[in-house]
Amino acid sequence: MIRGKKCVLRPPRKEELSTYQRWFEDPEVLQFLPGIGPFSDSQEEEWFKRVGEDPNGVAWAIEVDGKVVGTTGIHGIDWRHGNGETGITIGDKSMWRKGIASEAMALRTAFCFRELNLHKIRTRAFMENEASKRALQKAGYRQSGVQREEMYKDGTWHDIWMGEVMRADWEKAQQNR
């Protein structure tokens, strides 16, 4: 469990799967997610089992005041080269624009470098998702590129912002705080 001022990162619980399903039925929640959802009961259970057993990933539920409001994690960890890719969803829309995602990203980033001893972490976001890009940059991510017309969603091709944070840059930024 990782405690912040606004939220807690903890392992997801099986009894929360129906909450996740509701989130991924909401078009607003899905707006900036690459073609996922909605999910059936068996698909949610399969995801829960898969992330729980993945030796190359870590998944967390984001909890605020005892209630699950989102998920975050790192997947595809390449232990030899010390990198992986991160992601986040705040499914509870009442928690949007309250700094929850920013804090969860900061906690996740610290865990990646302090506990997993990774060298670099990467992420991607829809170019239109200004809030996510701002929160990522606040957590130390810097733009590393743009994947032009990378995702097809809702009848349109979308450019994808790519970001990364290097351990050395993150550590330097921590000293300046």
C-alpha atoms as a PDB file:
ATOM      1  CA  MET A   1       0.000   0.000   0.000  1.00  0.00           C
ATOM      2  CA  ILE A   2       1.287   3.445  -0.914  1.00  0.00           C
ATOM      3  CA  ARG A   3      -0.260   6.396   0.924  1.00  0.00           C
ATOM      4  CA  GLY A   4      -0.404   9.913  -0.416  1.00  0.00           C
ATOM      5  CA  LYS A   5      -2.205  12.984   0.913  1.00  0.00           C
ATOM      6  CA  LYS A   6      -5.197  12.599  -1.414  1.00  0.00           C
ATOM      7  CA  CYS A   7      -5.198   8.923  -2.335  1.00  0.00           C
ATOM      8  CA  VAL A   8      -3.900   5.442  -1.584  1.00  0.00           C
ATOM      9  CA  LEU A   9      -2.533   2.968  -4.128  1.00  0.00           C
ATOM     10  CA  ARG A  10      -3.325  -0.601  -3.142  1.00  0.00           C
ATOM     11  CA  PRO A  11      -3.933  -3.942  -4.839  1.00  0.00           C
ATOM     12  CA  PRO A  12      -7.236  -4.235  -6.686  1.00  0.00           C
ATOM     13  CA  ARG A  13      -9.903  -6.401  -5.030  1.00  0.00           C
ATOM     14  CA  LYS A  14     -12.078  -8.930  -6.802  1.00  0.00           C
ATOM     15  CA  GLU A  15     -15.256  -7.503  -5.255  1.00  0.00           C
ATOM     16  CA  GLU A  16     -14.531  -4.195  -7.055  1.00  0.00           C
ATOM     17  CA  LEU A  17     -14.745  -5.664 -10.547  1.00  0.00           C
ATOM     18  CA  SER A  18     -18.381  -4.582 -10.979  1.00  0.00           C
ATOM     19  CA  THR A  19     -17.314  -0.983 -10.200  1.00  0.00           C
ATOM     20  CA  TYR A  20     -14.643  -1.186 -12.905  1.00  0.00           C
ATOM     21  CA  GLN A  21     -17.250  -2.553 -15.310  1.00  0.00           C
ATOM     22  CA  ARG A  22     -19.536   0.433 -14.683  1.00  0.00           C
ATOM     23  CA  TRP A  23     -16.673   2.834 -15.394  1.00  0.00           C
ATOM     24  CA  PHE A  24     -15.863   1.159 -18.695  1.00  0.00           C
ATOM     25  CA  GLU A  25     -19.491   1.411 -19.818  1.00  0.00           C
ATOM     26  CA  ASP A  26     -19.324   5.219 -19.576  1.00  0.00           C
ATOM     27  CA  PRO A  27     -18.388   6.949 -22.866  1.00  0.00           C
ATOM     28  CA  GLU A  28     -16.824   9.894 -20.989  1.00  0.00           C
ATOM     29  CA  VAL A  29     -14.495   7.576 -19.075  1.00  0.00           C
ATOM     30  CA  LEU A  30     -13.648   5.725 -22.301  1.00  0.00           C
ATOM     31  CA  GLN A  31     -13.069   8.935 -24.283  1.00  0.00           C
ATOM     32  CA  PHE A  32      -9.266   8.831 -24.023  1.00  0.00           C
ATOM     33  CA  LEU A  33      -8.764   5.091 -23.624  1.00  0.00           C
ATOM     34  CA  PRO A  34      -7.580   3.134 -26.667  1.00  0.00           C
ATOM     35  CA  GLY A  35     -10.534   0.960 -27.595  1.00  0.00           C
ATOM     36  CA  ILE A  36     -11.183  -0.781 -24.301  1.00  0.00           C
ATOM     37  CA  GLY A  37     -14.493  -1.596 -22.660  1.00  0.00           C
ATOM     38  CA  PRO A  38     -17.160  -2.334 -21.897  1.00  0.00           C
ATOM     39  CA  PHE A  39     -16.220  -5.674 -20.328  1.00  0.00           C
ATOM     40  CA  SER A  40     -18.191  -8.778 -19.432  1.00  0.00           C
ATOM     41  CA  ASP A  41     -17.917 -10.441 -16.021  1.00  0.00           C
ATOM     42  CA  SER A  42     -15.557 -13.090 -17.393  1.00  0.00           C
ATOM     43  CA  GLN A  43     -13.349 -10.467 -19.113  1.00  0.00           C
ATOM     44  CA  GLU A  44     -13.033  -8.510 -15.844  1.00  0.00           C
ATOM     45  CA  GLU A  45     -12.172 -11.680 -13.924  1.00  0.00           C
ATOM     46  CA  GLU A  46      -9.613 -12.634 -16.584  1.00  0.00           C
ATOM     47  CA  TRP A  47      -7.998  -9.154 -16.291  1.00  0.00           C
ATOM     48  CA  PHE A  48      -7.918  -9.452 -12.493  1.00  0.00           C
ATOM     49  CA  LYS A  49      -6.230 -12.873 -12.685  1.00  0.00           C
ATOM     50  CA  ARG A  50      -3.790 -11.760 -15.393  1.00  0.00           C
ATOM     51  CA  VAL A  51      -2.562  -8.629 -13.573  1.00  0.00           C
ATOM     52  CA  GLY A  52      -2.326 -10.512 -10.299  1.00  0.00           C
ATOM     53  CA  GLU A  53      -0.023 -13.104 -11.825  1.00  0.00           C
ATOM     54  CA  ASP A  54       2.032 -10.865 -14.130  1.00  0.00           C
ATOM     55  CA  PRO A  55       5.712 -10.913 -13.089  1.00  0.00           C
ATOM     56  CA  ASN A  56       6.339  -7.935 -15.396  1.00  0.00           C
ATOM     57  CA  GLY A  57       3.734  -5.566 -14.062  1.00  0.00           C
ATOM     58  CA  VAL A  58       2.189  -3.973 -11.014  1.00  0.00           C
ATOM     59  CA  ALA A  59      -1.467  -2.939 -10.790  1.00  0.00           C
ATOM     60  CA  TRP A  60      -3.055  -0.734  -8.156  1.00  0.00           C
ATOM     61  CA  ALA A  61      -6.521   0.433  -7.282  1.00  0.00           C
ATOM     62  CA  ILE A  62      -6.645   4.151  -6.517  1.00  0.00           C
ATOM     63  CA  GLU A  63      -8.617   4.699  -3.334  1.00  0.00           C
ATOM     64  CA  VAL A  64      -9.940   7.960  -1.863  1.00  0.00           C
ATOM     65  CA  ASP A  65     -11.626   7.972   1.552  1.00  0.00           C
ATOM     66  CA  GLY A  66     -12.070   4.194   1.475  1.00  0.00           C
ATOM     67  CA  LYS A  67     -13.641   4.148  -2.015  1.00  0.00           C
ATOM     68  CA  VAL A  68     -12.028   2.886  -5.226  1.00  0.00           C
ATOM     69  CA  VAL A  69     -11.964   5.711  -7.783  1.00  0.00           C
ATOM     70  CA  GLY A  70      -9.498   4.488 -10.412  1.00  0.00           C
ATOM     71  CA  THR A  71      -6.684   2.186 -11.413  1.00  0.00           C
ATOM     72  CA  THR A  72      -3.062   2.675 -12.322  1.00  0.00           C
ATOM     73  CA  GLY A  73      -0.039   0.530 -12.915  1.00  0.00           C
ATOM     74  CA  ILE A  74       3.052  -0.300 -14.823  1.00  0.00           C
ATOM     75  CA  HIS A  75       3.157  -3.114 -17.355  1.00  0.00           C
ATOM     76  CA  GLY A  76       5.544  -4.639 -19.828  1.00  0.00           C
ATOM     77  CA  ILE A  77       8.475  -4.221 -17.449  1.00  0.00           C
ATOM     78  CA  ASP A  78      11.736  -5.151 -19.138  1.00  0.00           C
ATOM     79  CA  TRP A  79      13.867  -6.024 -16.124  1.00  0.00           C
ATOM     80  CA  ARG A  80      17.081  -6.318 -18.125  1.00  0.00           C
ATOM     81  CA  HIS A  81      16.797  -2.832 -19.592  1.00  0.00           C
ATOM     82  CA  GLY A  82      15.021  -1.315 -16.593  1.00  0.00           C
ATOM     83  CA  ASN A  83      11.944   0.163 -18.246  1.00  0.00           C
ATOM     84  CA  GLY A  84       8.193  -0.248 -18.536  1.00  0.00           C
ATOM     85  CA  GLU A  85       5.009   1.540 -19.546  1.00  0.00           C
ATOM     86  CA  THR A  86       2.537   3.193 -17.213  1.00  0.00           C
ATOM     87  CA  GLY A  87      -1.164   3.916 -17.424  1.00  0.00           C
ATOM     88  CA  ILE A  88      -4.009   5.349 -15.362  1.00  0.00           C
ATOM     89  CA  THR A  89      -7.782   5.665 -15.348  1.00  0.00           C
ATOM     90  CA  ILE A  90      -9.856   7.705 -12.951  1.00  0.00           C
ATOM     91  CA  GLY A  91     -13.200   6.003 -13.425  1.00  0.00           C
ATOM     92  CA  ASP A  92     -15.144   7.937 -10.787  1.00  0.00           C
ATOM     93  CA  LYS A  93     -15.910  11.195 -12.611  1.00  0.00           C
ATOM     94  CA  SER A  94     -16.620  13.010  -9.340  1.00  0.00           C
ATOM     95  CA  MET A  95     -12.853  12.711  -8.700  1.00  0.00           C
ATOM     96  CA  TRP A  96     -11.827  14.368 -11.969  1.00  0.00           C
ATOM     97  CA  ARG A  97      -9.881  17.648 -11.689  1.00  0.00           C
ATOM     98  CA  LYS A  98      -9.128  17.179  -7.987  1.00  0.00           C
ATOM     99  CA  GLY A  99      -5.448  16.267  -8.314  1.00  0.00           C
ATOM    100  CA  ILE A 100      -6.047  12.561  -7.672  1.00  0.00           C
ATOM    101  CA  ALA A 101      -4.469  11.452 -10.965  1.00  0.00           C
ATOM    102  CA  SER A 102      -1.506  13.791 -10.437  1.00  0.00           C
ATOM    103  CA  GLU A 103      -0.819  12.371  -6.999  1.00  0.00           C
ATOM    104  CA  ALA A 104      -1.338   8.759  -8.139  1.00  0.00           C
ATOM    105  CA  MET A 105       1.135   9.337 -10.995  1.00  0.00           C
ATOM    106  CA  ALA A 106       3.680  10.828  -8.594  1.00  0.00           C
ATOM    107  CA  LEU A 107       3.311   7.907  -6.165  1.00  0.00           C
ATOM    108  CA  ARG A 108       3.567   5.399  -9.021  1.00  0.00           C
ATOM    109  CA  THR A 109       6.667   7.123 -10.417  1.00  0.00           C
ATOM    110  CA  ALA A 110       8.405   7.103  -7.023  1.00  0.00           C
ATOM    111  CA  PHE A 111       7.605   3.394  -6.647  1.00  0.00           C
ATOM    112  CA  CYS A 112       9.025   2.618 -10.094  1.00  0.00           C
ATOM    113  CA  PHE A 113      12.346   4.252  -9.255  1.00  0.00           C
ATOM    114  CA  ARG A 114      12.686   3.629  -5.518  1.00  0.00           C
ATOM    115  CA  GLU A 115      11.216   0.135  -5.221  1.00  0.00           C
ATOM    116  CA  LEU A 116      11.531  -1.426  -8.672  1.00  0.00           C
ATOM    117  CA  ASN A 117      14.847   0.285  -9.401  1.00  0.00           C
ATOM    118  CA  LEU A 118      13.823   1.045 -12.985  1.00  0.00           C
ATOM    119  CA  HIS A 119      15.878   3.307 -15.225  1.00  0.00           C
ATOM    120  CA  LYS A 120      13.039   4.806 -17.291  1.00  0.00           C
ATOM    121  CA  ILE A 121       9.267   4.670 -17.527  1.00  0.00           C
ATOM    122  CA  ARG A 122       7.137   5.522 -20.538  1.00  0.00           C
ATOM    123  CA  THR A 123       3.532   6.418 -21.143  1.00  0.00           C
ATOM    124  CA  ARG A 124       1.181   7.508 -23.886  1.00  0.00           C
ATOM    125  CA  ALA A 125      -1.863   9.790 -24.001  1.00  0.00           C
ATOM    126  CA  PHE A 126      -4.216  11.068 -26.662  1.00  0.00           C
ATOM    127  CA  MET A 127      -2.935  14.454 -27.866  1.00  0.00           C
ATOM    128  CA  GLU A 128      -6.335  15.969 -27.036  1.00  0.00           C
ATOM    129  CA  ASN A 129      -6.107  14.835 -23.409  1.00  0.00           C
ATOM    130  CA  GLU A 130      -4.554  18.009 -22.018  1.00  0.00           C
ATOM    131  CA  ALA A 131      -5.401  17.157 -18.389  1.00  0.00           C
ATOM    132  CA  SER A 132      -3.545  13.849 -18.566  1.00  0.00           C
ATOM    133  CA  LYS A 133      -0.518  15.378 -20.275  1.00  0.00           C
ATOM    134  CA  ARG A 134      -0.373  18.124 -17.610  1.00  0.00           C
ATOM    135  CA  ALA A 135      -0.566  15.584 -14.774  1.00  0.00           C
ATOM    136  CA  LEU A 136       2.125  13.438 -16.403  1.00  0.00           C
ATOM    137  CA  GLN A 137       4.435  16.415 -16.839  1.00  0.00           C
ATOM    138  CA  LYS A 138       3.842  17.350 -13.203  1.00  0.00           C
ATOM    139  CA  ALA A 139       5.005  13.813 -12.277  1.00  0.00           C
ATOM    140  CA  GLY A 140       8.211  14.329 -14.285  1.00  0.00           C
ATOM    141  CA  TYR A 141       7.350  12.942 -17.712  1.00  0.00           C
ATOM    142  CA  ARG A 142       8.679  14.815 -20.732  1.00  0.00           C
ATOM    143  CA  GLN A 143       7.477  14.514 -24.294  1.00  0.00           C
ATOM    144  CA  SER A 144       9.570  12.001 -26.186  1.00  0.00           C
ATOM    145  CA  GLY A 145       7.594  12.045 -29.400  1.00  0.00           C
ATOM    146  CA  VAL A 146       4.262  12.014 -31.167  1.00  0.00           C
ATOM    147  CA  GLN A 147       2.809   8.986 -32.893  1.00  0.00           C
ATOM    148  CA  ARG A 148       0.853  10.473 -35.754  1.00  0.00           C
ATOM    149  CA  GLU A 149      -2.581   8.954 -36.416  1.00  0.00           C
ATOM    150  CA  GLU A 150      -1.701   6.030 -34.118  1.00  0.00           C
ATOM    151  CA  MET A 151      -5.171   5.241 -32.749  1.00  0.00           C
ATOM    152  CA  TYR A 152      -8.463   4.906 -34.581  1.00  0.00           C
ATOM    153  CA  LYS A 153     -11.390   5.722 -32.335  1.00  0.00           C
ATOM    154  CA  ASP A 154     -14.914   6.951 -32.957  1.00  0.00           C
ATOM    155  CA  GLY A 155     -14.358   7.209 -36.699  1.00  0.00           C
ATOM    156  CA  THR A 156     -11.233   9.361 -36.434  1.00  0.00           C
ATOM    157  CA  TRP A 157      -7.482   8.842 -36.365  1.00  0.00           C
ATOM    158  CA  HIS A 158      -5.817  10.324 -33.279  1.00  0.00           C
ATOM    159  CA  ASP A 159      -2.237  11.399 -32.634  1.00  0.00           C
ATOM    160  CA  ILE A 160      -0.654   9.982 -29.480  1.00  0.00           C
ATOM    161  CA  TRP A 161       1.624  11.957 -27.159  1.00  0.00           C
ATOM    162  CA  MET A 162       4.522   9.871 -25.898  1.00  0.00           C
ATOM    163  CA  GLY A 163       6.229  10.716 -22.648  1.00  0.00           C
ATOM    164  CA  GLU A 164       9.003   9.300 -20.552  1.00  0.00           C
ATOM    165  CA  VAL A 165      10.798  10.033 -17.329  1.00  0.00           C
ATOM    166  CA  MET A 166      14.349   8.972 -16.636  1.00  0.00           C
ATOM    167  CA  ARG A 167      15.374   8.036 -13.124  1.00  0.00           C
ATOM    168  CA  ALA A 168      18.297  10.528 -13.061  1.00  0.00           C
ATOM    169  CA  ASP A 169      16.040  13.406 -14.144  1.00  0.00           C
ATOM    170  CA  TRP A 170      13.392  12.429 -11.595  1.00  0.00           C
ATOM    171  CA  GLU A 171      15.949  12.178  -8.774  1.00  0.00           C
ATOM    172  CA  LYS A 172      17.350  15.600  -9.661  1.00  0.00           C
ATOM    173  CA  ALA A 173      13.843  17.088  -9.613  1.00  0.00           C
ATOM    174  CA  GLN A 174      13.242  15.539  -6.153  1.00  0.00           C
ATOM    175  CA  GLN A 175      16.313  17.288  -4.789  1.00  0.00           C
ATOM    176  CA  ASN A 176      15.009  20.641  -6.028  1.00  0.00           C
ATOM    177  CA  ARG A 177      11.658  20.268  -4.176  1.00  0.00           C
END
